[in-house]
C-alpha cells in the first residue's frame, strides 16, 4: 500500500495538496502497472471540489481509501483498513 499524507489545515491550500498528492499516487500506480496496488490519500483539510474528485476515484477503485485526519471516525476507519491489509 502506498499513500499520501497531507497535514496542512489551511482550506485555501487544500486543493494544491490534493493535486500534488494525486499526481504522486498516479506515478506510483503507473510504475507498478499492470500489477494493481492499493493507494490512499489522507488529509487534514478536504474541500468540496477535491472531495468530489476523491469520491470519484474511490468509486472507480482508482483510489483504495481516503480519510480526513480531523474526523476521528474516518481516522479510526483508516487505521482498521490499514491493519486489515
Protein backbone atom coordinates (compact mmCIF):
# COMPACT_ATOMS: atom_id res chain seq x y z
CA UNK A 1 0.00 0.00 0.00
CA UNK A 2 1.21 3.45 -0.90
CA UNK A 3 -0.28 6.65 0.43
CA UNK A 4 -0.08 10.40 0.58
CA UNK A 5 -0.45 12.18 3.92
CA UNK A 6 -1.13 15.92 3.88
CA UNK A 7 -1.25 17.60 7.29
CA UNK A 8 -1.88 21.24 6.36
CA UNK A 9 -5.16 22.55 7.79
CA UNK A 10 -5.47 25.68 5.63
CA UNK A 11 -8.53 25.18 3.42
CA UNK A 12 -7.07 27.61 0.86
CA UNK A 13 -4.13 25.27 0.22
CA UNK A 14 -6.07 22.00 0.39
CA UNK A 15 -6.63 21.79 -3.36
CA UNK A 16 -2.89 22.12 -4.03
CA UNK A 17 -2.18 19.34 -1.52
CA UNK A 18 -4.64 17.14 -3.39
CA UNK A 19 -3.15 17.97 -6.78
CA UNK A 20 0.41 17.11 -5.70
CA UNK A 21 -0.71 14.03 -3.78
CA UNK A 22 -2.88 12.79 -6.62
CA UNK A 23 -0.01 13.24 -9.09
CA UNK A 24 2.33 11.24 -6.86
CA UNK A 25 -0.24 8.46 -6.49
CA UNK A 26 -0.75 8.37 -10.27
CA UNK A 27 3.01 7.96 -10.77
CA UNK A 28 3.03 5.11 -8.25
CA UNK A 29 0.15 3.32 -9.97
CA UNK A 30 1.85 3.80 -13.32
CA UNK A 31 5.18 2.43 -12.06
CA UNK A 32 3.54 -0.79 -10.87
CA UNK A 33 1.25 -1.28 -13.86
CA UNK A 34 -0.07 -3.85 -14.74
CA UNK A 35 0.04 -5.01 -11.09
CA UNK A 36 -2.67 -3.20 -9.12
CA UNK A 37 -1.57 -1.53 -5.88
CA UNK A 38 -3.59 -0.07 -3.01
CA UNK A 39 -3.31 3.70 -2.68
CA UNK A 40 -4.65 6.09 -0.06
CA UNK A 41 -4.98 9.83 0.46
CA UNK A 42 -5.18 11.22 3.98
CA UNK A 43 -5.53 14.95 4.64
CA UNK A 44 -6.33 17.36 7.43
CA UNK A 45 -8.25 19.66 5.08
CA UNK A 46 -10.54 18.37 2.34
CA UNK A 47 -12.57 20.89 0.37
CA UNK A 48 -15.76 20.27 -1.65
CA UNK A 49 -14.17 20.26 -5.13
CA UNK A 50 -11.42 17.87 -4.20
CA UNK A 51 -13.86 15.72 -2.20
CA UNK A 52 -15.80 15.14 -5.43
CA UNK A 53 -12.64 14.08 -7.26
CA UNK A 54 -11.61 11.83 -4.35
CA UNK A 55 -15.07 10.24 -4.25
CA UNK A 56 -14.96 9.60 -8.00
CA UNK A 57 -11.60 7.82 -7.63
CA UNK A 58 -12.88 5.78 -4.69
CA UNK A 59 -15.98 4.82 -6.69
CA UNK A 60 -13.98 3.51 -9.66
CA UNK A 61 -11.31 1.90 -7.40
CA UNK A 62 -8.51 4.16 -8.67
CA UNK A 63 -8.00 5.20 -5.05
CA UNK A 64 -8.34 2.49 -2.40
CA UNK A 65 -9.02 4.64 0.68
CA UNK A 66 -9.27 8.27 1.72
CA UNK A 67 -9.84 9.94 5.06
CA UNK A 68 -9.96 13.32 6.76
CA UNK A 69 -7.49 13.41 9.68
CA UNK A 70 -9.73 15.79 11.62
CA UNK A 71 -12.61 13.26 11.67
CA UNK A 72 -11.99 10.65 14.40
CA UNK A 73 -14.33 8.15 12.75
CA UNK A 74 -12.53 8.38 9.41
CA UNK A 75 -9.12 8.13 11.07
CA UNK A 76 -10.21 5.05 13.02
CA UNK A 77 -11.62 3.51 9.84
CA UNK A 78 -8.34 4.20 8.01
CA UNK A 79 -6.32 2.55 10.77
CA UNK A 80 -8.59 -0.53 10.68
CA UNK A 81 -8.30 -0.72 6.88
CA UNK A 82 -4.50 -0.44 7.03
CA UNK A 83 -4.26 -3.19 9.63
CA UNK A 84 -6.50 -5.43 7.53
CA UNK A 85 -4.09 -5.35 4.60
